[in-house]
Amino acid sequence: MFSGESEGSKQEAVEKPAENASLKEEPPKEEPPKERARTQLPEVNFSTFVLSLSSSVLVHLGEMTDPNTGAPKKDLAMAKQTIDILGMFEEKTRGNLNPDEENLLANILYDIRMRYIKEK
């Protein structure tokens, strides 16, 4: 019967498991406390979404350190784009938010717009 394998490839197949057996898998390492804390994210809801975007604006304005580099870095174009996204979000959700959500969005937009103007 034809199996499509030569005797040499059958021998290799037999040898490979023995080779792999010497490379035992290490047990999963426990996450460091810092990494564990990072994976425990807050519930995603309207407020946390708006606050997350506003935090991004503060990073782009250089008022908060960049979480990737640990240093402040200004990027006014990205700050403006994120402010514009929040403004569009305000327009598109008008009439669909509860009073607390409306106030949160309006207050955050006012604050980050003033901060942007100050930096510009």
N, C-alpha and C. Protein backbone atom coordinates (compact mmCIF):
# COMPACT_ATOMS: atom_id res chain seq x y z
N MET A 1 0.84 -1.17 0.00
CA MET A 1 0.00 0.00 0.00
C MET A 1 0.89 1.23 0.00
N PHE A 2 0.47 2.25 -0.73
CA PHE A 2 1.24 3.49 -0.87
C PHE A 2 0.74 4.50 0.15
N SER A 3 1.65 4.98 1.02
CA SER A 3 1.26 5.95 2.03
C SER A 3 1.77 7.34 1.71
N GLY A 4 2.62 7.47 0.70
CA GLY A 4 3.14 8.78 0.36
C GLY A 4 4.33 9.17 1.20
N GLU A 5 4.73 8.33 2.14
CA GLU A 5 5.88 8.61 2.99
C GLU A 5 6.99 7.63 2.67
N SER A 6 8.20 8.12 2.65
CA SER A 6 9.34 7.24 2.46
C SER A 6 9.74 6.67 3.82
N GLU A 7 10.58 5.66 3.77
CA GLU A 7 11.06 5.07 5.02
C GLU A 7 11.79 6.11 5.86
N GLY A 8 12.52 7.01 5.20
CA GLY A 8 13.27 8.04 5.91
C GLY A 8 12.36 8.98 6.67
N SER A 9 11.23 9.36 6.06
CA SER A 9 10.33 10.29 6.74
C SER A 9 9.62 9.60 7.90
N LYS A 10 9.40 8.27 7.78
CA LYS A 10 8.80 7.54 8.90
C LYS A 10 9.77 7.51 10.08
N GLN A 11 11.04 7.33 9.78
CA GLN A 11 12.05 7.31 10.84
C GLN A 11 12.13 8.66 11.52
N GLU A 12 12.05 9.77 10.72
CA GLU A 12 12.08 11.12 11.30
C GLU A 12 10.90 11.34 12.22
N ALA A 13 9.73 10.85 11.81
CA ALA A 13 8.53 11.01 12.62
C ALA A 13 8.68 10.31 13.96
N VAL A 14 9.36 9.16 13.95
CA VAL A 14 9.57 8.43 15.19
C VAL A 14 10.56 9.16 16.07
N GLU A 15 11.59 9.78 15.48
CA GLU A 15 12.62 10.46 16.25
C GLU A 15 12.14 11.79 16.83
N LYS A 16 11.26 12.49 16.15
CA LYS A 16 10.84 13.82 16.59
C LYS A 16 10.18 13.83 17.96
N PRO A 17 9.29 12.89 18.28
CA PRO A 17 8.71 12.93 19.63
C PRO A 17 9.78 12.80 20.71
N ALA A 18 10.80 12.01 20.44
CA ALA A 18 11.86 11.85 21.43
C ALA A 18 12.60 13.17 21.62
N GLU A 19 12.85 13.89 20.52
CA GLU A 19 13.51 15.18 20.61
C GLU A 19 12.66 16.16 21.41
N ASN A 20 11.36 16.19 21.11
CA ASN A 20 10.45 17.12 21.77
C ASN A 20 10.27 16.79 23.25
N ALA A 21 10.44 15.54 23.61
CA ALA A 21 10.27 15.15 25.01
C ALA A 21 11.32 15.80 25.89
N SER A 22 12.51 16.05 25.30
CA SER A 22 13.55 16.69 26.09
C SER A 22 13.27 18.17 26.32
N LEU A 23 12.39 18.75 25.53
CA LEU A 23 12.01 20.16 25.68
C LEU A 23 10.71 20.23 26.46
N LYS A 24 10.78 19.97 27.73
CA LYS A 24 9.57 19.97 28.56
C LYS A 24 9.03 21.39 28.68
N GLU A 25 7.72 21.46 28.65
CA GLU A 25 7.08 22.77 28.80
C GLU A 25 7.20 23.24 30.23
N GLU A 26 7.50 24.52 30.37
CA GLU A 26 7.57 25.11 31.70
C GLU A 26 6.15 25.38 32.18
N PRO A 27 5.91 25.23 33.47
CA PRO A 27 4.57 25.57 33.98
C PRO A 27 4.33 27.06 33.79
N PRO A 28 3.07 27.46 33.58
CA PRO A 28 2.79 28.88 33.37
C PRO A 28 3.25 29.69 34.57
N LYS A 29 3.91 30.79 34.26
CA LYS A 29 4.41 31.66 35.32
C LYS A 29 3.28 32.54 35.84
N GLU A 30 3.32 32.80 37.12
CA GLU A 30 2.32 33.68 37.71
C GLU A 30 2.61 35.11 37.27
N GLU A 31 1.54 35.84 36.92
CA GLU A 31 1.72 37.22 36.48
C GLU A 31 2.26 38.07 37.61
N PRO A 32 3.18 38.97 37.30
CA PRO A 32 3.62 39.92 38.32
C PRO A 32 2.44 40.78 38.77
N PRO A 33 2.46 41.29 40.00
CA PRO A 33 1.33 42.09 40.50
C PRO A 33 0.96 43.25 39.58
N LYS A 34 1.95 43.91 38.99
CA LYS A 34 1.67 45.05 38.12
C LYS A 34 0.86 44.61 36.90
N GLU A 35 1.25 43.48 36.28
CA GLU A 35 0.53 42.97 35.12
C GLU A 35 -0.86 42.50 35.50
N ARG A 36 -0.98 41.86 36.65
CA ARG A 36 -2.28 41.38 37.10
C ARG A 36 -3.23 42.54 37.29
N ALA A 37 -2.75 43.62 37.87
CA ALA A 37 -3.60 44.80 38.09
C ALA A 37 -4.03 45.40 36.77
N ARG A 38 -3.17 45.36 35.78
CA ARG A 38 -3.49 45.95 34.48
C ARG A 38 -4.60 45.18 33.77
N THR A 39 -4.69 43.87 34.00
CA THR A 39 -5.70 43.07 33.32
C THR A 39 -7.06 43.15 34.00
N GLN A 40 -7.13 43.69 35.21
CA GLN A 40 -8.40 43.83 35.90
C GLN A 40 -8.97 45.20 35.56
N LEU A 41 -9.61 45.26 34.42
CA LEU A 41 -10.13 46.53 33.91
C LEU A 41 -11.52 46.81 34.47
N PRO A 42 -11.87 48.09 34.55
CA PRO A 42 -13.22 48.42 35.03
C PRO A 42 -14.27 48.03 34.00
N GLU A 43 -15.49 47.93 34.47
CA GLU A 43 -16.61 47.63 33.58
C GLU A 43 -16.69 48.70 32.50
N VAL A 44 -16.96 48.29 31.27
CA VAL A 44 -17.10 49.26 30.19
C VAL A 44 -18.54 49.74 30.17
N ASN A 45 -18.70 51.02 30.41
CA ASN A 45 -20.01 51.65 30.31
C ASN A 45 -19.79 53.05 29.75
N PHE A 46 -20.82 53.82 29.64
CA PHE A 46 -20.70 55.15 29.04
C PHE A 46 -19.67 55.99 29.76
N SER A 47 -19.74 56.02 31.07
CA SER A 47 -18.84 56.87 31.86
C SER A 47 -17.38 56.45 31.71
N THR A 48 -17.10 55.16 31.82
CA THR A 48 -15.71 54.73 31.70
C THR A 48 -15.18 54.95 30.29
N PHE A 49 -16.04 54.84 29.29
CA PHE A 49 -15.63 55.10 27.90
C PHE A 49 -15.25 56.56 27.72
N VAL A 50 -16.09 57.47 28.20
CA VAL A 50 -15.82 58.90 28.09
C VAL A 50 -14.57 59.26 28.89
N LEU A 51 -14.44 58.73 30.08
CA LEU A 51 -13.26 59.01 30.90
C LEU A 51 -11.99 58.48 30.26
N SER A 52 -12.08 57.34 29.61
CA SER A 52 -10.92 56.78 28.92
C SER A 52 -10.48 57.69 27.78
N LEU A 53 -11.43 58.16 26.99
CA LEU A 53 -11.08 59.07 25.89
C LEU A 53 -10.53 60.38 26.42
N SER A 54 -11.09 60.89 27.51
CA SER A 54 -10.59 62.15 28.06
C SER A 54 -9.18 61.96 28.62
N SER A 55 -8.88 60.80 29.17
CA SER A 55 -7.52 60.52 29.63
C SER A 55 -6.55 60.50 28.46
N SER A 56 -7.00 59.97 27.34
CA SER A 56 -6.16 59.98 26.14
C SER A 56 -5.84 61.41 25.71
N VAL A 57 -6.83 62.29 25.81
CA VAL A 57 -6.60 63.70 25.47
C VAL A 57 -5.53 64.28 26.39
N LEU A 58 -5.63 64.00 27.68
CA LEU A 58 -4.65 64.53 28.63
C LEU A 58 -3.24 64.01 28.34
N VAL A 59 -3.14 62.76 27.92
CA VAL A 59 -1.84 62.21 27.53
C VAL A 59 -1.32 62.96 26.31
N HIS A 60 -2.19 63.18 25.31
CA HIS A 60 -1.77 63.86 24.08
C HIS A 60 -1.46 65.34 24.32
N LEU A 61 -2.03 65.92 25.35
CA LEU A 61 -1.71 67.30 25.70
C LEU A 61 -0.42 67.38 26.53
N GLY A 62 0.11 66.25 26.92
CA GLY A 62 1.33 66.22 27.71
C GLY A 62 1.08 66.45 29.19
N GLU A 63 -0.18 66.41 29.62
CA GLU A 63 -0.51 66.64 31.02
C GLU A 63 -0.45 65.35 31.84
N MET A 64 -0.45 64.23 31.18
CA MET A 64 -0.28 62.92 31.83
C MET A 64 0.85 62.22 31.11
N THR A 65 1.55 61.36 31.84
CA THR A 65 2.63 60.62 31.19
C THR A 65 2.06 59.57 30.25
N ASP A 66 2.76 59.34 29.17
CA ASP A 66 2.39 58.30 28.22
C ASP A 66 2.58 56.95 28.91
N PRO A 67 1.54 56.12 28.99
CA PRO A 67 1.68 54.85 29.70
C PRO A 67 2.70 53.91 29.05
N ASN A 68 2.99 54.09 27.78
CA ASN A 68 3.95 53.22 27.10
C ASN A 68 5.39 53.63 27.37
N THR A 69 5.64 54.94 27.48
CA THR A 69 7.01 55.42 27.65
C THR A 69 7.29 55.90 29.07
N GLY A 70 6.26 56.28 29.80
CA GLY A 70 6.44 56.81 31.14
C GLY A 70 6.84 58.28 31.15
N ALA A 71 6.85 58.88 29.98
CA ALA A 71 7.23 60.30 29.87
C ALA A 71 6.10 61.08 29.20
N PRO A 72 5.95 62.35 29.56
CA PRO A 72 4.93 63.15 28.88
C PRO A 72 5.34 63.41 27.43
N LYS A 73 4.36 63.44 26.55
CA LYS A 73 4.63 63.67 25.14
C LYS A 73 3.43 64.40 24.55
N LYS A 74 3.66 65.54 23.92
CA LYS A 74 2.57 66.30 23.32
C LYS A 74 2.33 65.85 21.89
N ASP A 75 1.07 65.71 21.56
CA ASP A 75 0.64 65.43 20.19
C ASP A 75 -0.71 66.13 20.03
N LEU A 76 -0.65 67.43 19.70
CA LEU A 76 -1.87 68.24 19.65
C LEU A 76 -2.84 67.75 18.58
N ALA A 77 -2.34 67.20 17.49
CA ALA A 77 -3.24 66.69 16.45
C ALA A 77 -4.08 65.53 16.98
N MET A 78 -3.46 64.63 17.73
CA MET A 78 -4.20 63.51 18.32
C MET A 78 -5.15 63.99 19.40
N ALA A 79 -4.73 64.99 20.17
CA ALA A 79 -5.62 65.55 21.19
C ALA A 79 -6.87 66.13 20.54
N LYS A 80 -6.67 66.90 19.46
CA LYS A 80 -7.81 67.51 18.76
C LYS A 80 -8.73 66.44 18.18
N GLN A 81 -8.15 65.41 17.58
CA GLN A 81 -8.97 64.35 17.00
C GLN A 81 -9.82 63.67 18.08
N THR A 82 -9.25 63.39 19.22
CA THR A 82 -10.00 62.73 20.29
C THR A 82 -11.08 63.65 20.85
N ILE A 83 -10.78 64.94 20.96
CA ILE A 83 -11.79 65.91 21.39
C ILE A 83 -12.93 65.95 20.38
N ASP A 84 -12.59 65.94 19.10
CA ASP A 84 -13.62 65.94 18.05
C ASP A 84 -14.47 64.67 18.10
N ILE A 85 -13.85 63.54 18.42
CA ILE A 85 -14.60 62.29 18.55
C ILE A 85 -15.60 62.40 19.70
N LEU A 86 -15.16 62.95 20.82
CA LEU A 86 -16.08 63.14 21.95
C LEU A 86 -17.19 64.13 21.60
N GLY A 87 -16.87 65.17 20.83
CA GLY A 87 -17.89 66.13 20.39
C GLY A 87 -18.92 65.47 19.49
N MET A 88 -18.45 64.63 18.56
CA MET A 88 -19.36 63.91 17.68
C MET A 88 -20.22 62.95 18.50
N PHE A 89 -19.60 62.33 19.47
CA PHE A 89 -20.31 61.41 20.36
C PHE A 89 -21.43 62.15 21.09
N GLU A 90 -21.15 63.38 21.52
CA GLU A 90 -22.16 64.20 22.20
C GLU A 90 -23.33 64.49 21.27
N GLU A 91 -23.03 64.84 20.02
CA GLU A 91 -24.09 65.13 19.05
C GLU A 91 -24.94 63.89 18.75
N LYS A 92 -24.29 62.77 18.53
CA LYS A 92 -24.99 61.55 18.13
C LYS A 92 -25.79 60.91 19.26
N THR A 93 -25.44 61.22 20.50
CA THR A 93 -26.17 60.63 21.62
C THR A 93 -27.17 61.59 22.25
N ARG A 94 -27.26 62.79 21.70
CA ARG A 94 -28.18 63.80 22.27
C ARG A 94 -29.60 63.23 22.35
N GLY A 95 -30.19 63.34 23.53
CA GLY A 95 -31.55 62.84 23.75
C GLY A 95 -31.59 61.39 24.19
N ASN A 96 -30.46 60.71 24.17
CA ASN A 96 -30.42 59.30 24.56
C ASN A 96 -29.65 59.05 25.85
N LEU A 97 -29.17 60.10 26.48
CA LEU A 97 -28.38 59.95 27.70
C LEU A 97 -29.19 60.35 28.92
N ASN A 98 -28.86 59.77 30.05
CA ASN A 98 -29.50 60.22 31.28
C ASN A 98 -28.81 61.51 31.73
N PRO A 99 -29.40 62.26 32.65
CA PRO A 99 -28.81 63.55 33.05
C PRO A 99 -27.37 63.45 33.55
N ASP A 100 -27.04 62.41 34.29
CA ASP A 100 -25.66 62.25 34.77
C ASP A 100 -24.68 62.07 33.61
N GLU A 101 -25.07 61.27 32.63
CA GLU A 101 -24.20 61.05 31.47
C GLU A 101 -24.04 62.33 30.66
N GLU A 102 -25.14 63.07 30.47
CA GLU A 102 -25.07 64.35 29.75
C GLU A 102 -24.13 65.32 30.44
N ASN A 103 -24.26 65.43 31.76
CA ASN A 103 -23.40 66.35 32.52
C ASN A 103 -21.94 65.92 32.46
N LEU A 104 -21.69 64.64 32.60
CA LEU A 104 -20.32 64.15 32.54
C LEU A 104 -19.68 64.51 31.20
N LEU A 105 -20.37 64.21 30.12
CA LEU A 105 -19.83 64.48 28.79
C LEU A 105 -19.65 65.98 28.56
N ALA A 106 -20.64 66.78 28.92
CA ALA A 106 -20.54 68.23 28.73
C ALA A 106 -19.39 68.82 29.54
N ASN A 107 -19.25 68.42 30.79
CA ASN A 107 -18.18 68.95 31.65
C ASN A 107 -16.80 68.53 31.16
N ILE A 108 -16.67 67.28 30.77
CA ILE A 108 -15.38 66.81 30.27
C ILE A 108 -15.03 67.52 28.97
N LEU A 109 -15.99 67.65 28.07
CA LEU A 109 -15.71 68.35 26.82
C LEU A 109 -15.28 69.79 27.06
N TYR A 110 -15.97 70.48 27.96
CA TYR A 110 -15.59 71.86 28.27
C TYR A 110 -14.16 71.90 28.80
N ASP A 111 -13.85 71.03 29.74
CA ASP A 111 -12.53 71.02 30.37
C ASP A 111 -11.43 70.73 29.36
N ILE A 112 -11.58 69.68 28.56
CA ILE A 112 -10.49 69.33 27.64
C ILE A 112 -10.38 70.32 26.49
N ARG A 113 -11.49 70.94 26.10
CA ARG A 113 -11.41 71.98 25.06
C ARG A 113 -10.63 73.19 25.58
N MET A 114 -10.88 73.58 26.82
CA MET A 114 -10.14 74.71 27.40
C MET A 114 -8.66 74.38 27.54
N ARG A 115 -8.36 73.17 27.94
CA ARG A 115 -6.96 72.76 28.07
C ARG A 115 -6.28 72.75 26.70
N TYR A 116 -7.00 72.31 25.68
CA TYR A 116 -6.45 72.28 24.32
C TYR A 116 -6.15 73.70 23.84
N ILE A 117 -7.10 74.61 24.04
CA ILE A 117 -6.91 76.01 23.63
C ILE A 117 -5.70 76.61 24.34
N LYS A 118 -5.54 76.30 25.61
CA LYS A 118 -4.40 76.81 26.38
C LYS A 118 -3.08 76.30 25.80
N GLU A 119 -3.04 75.06 25.36
CA GLU A 119 -1.81 74.47 24.81
C GLU A 119 -1.53 74.91 23.38
N LYS A 120 -2.58 75.27 22.67
CA LYS A 120 -2.43 75.64 21.26
C LYS A 120 -1.79 76.96 21.18
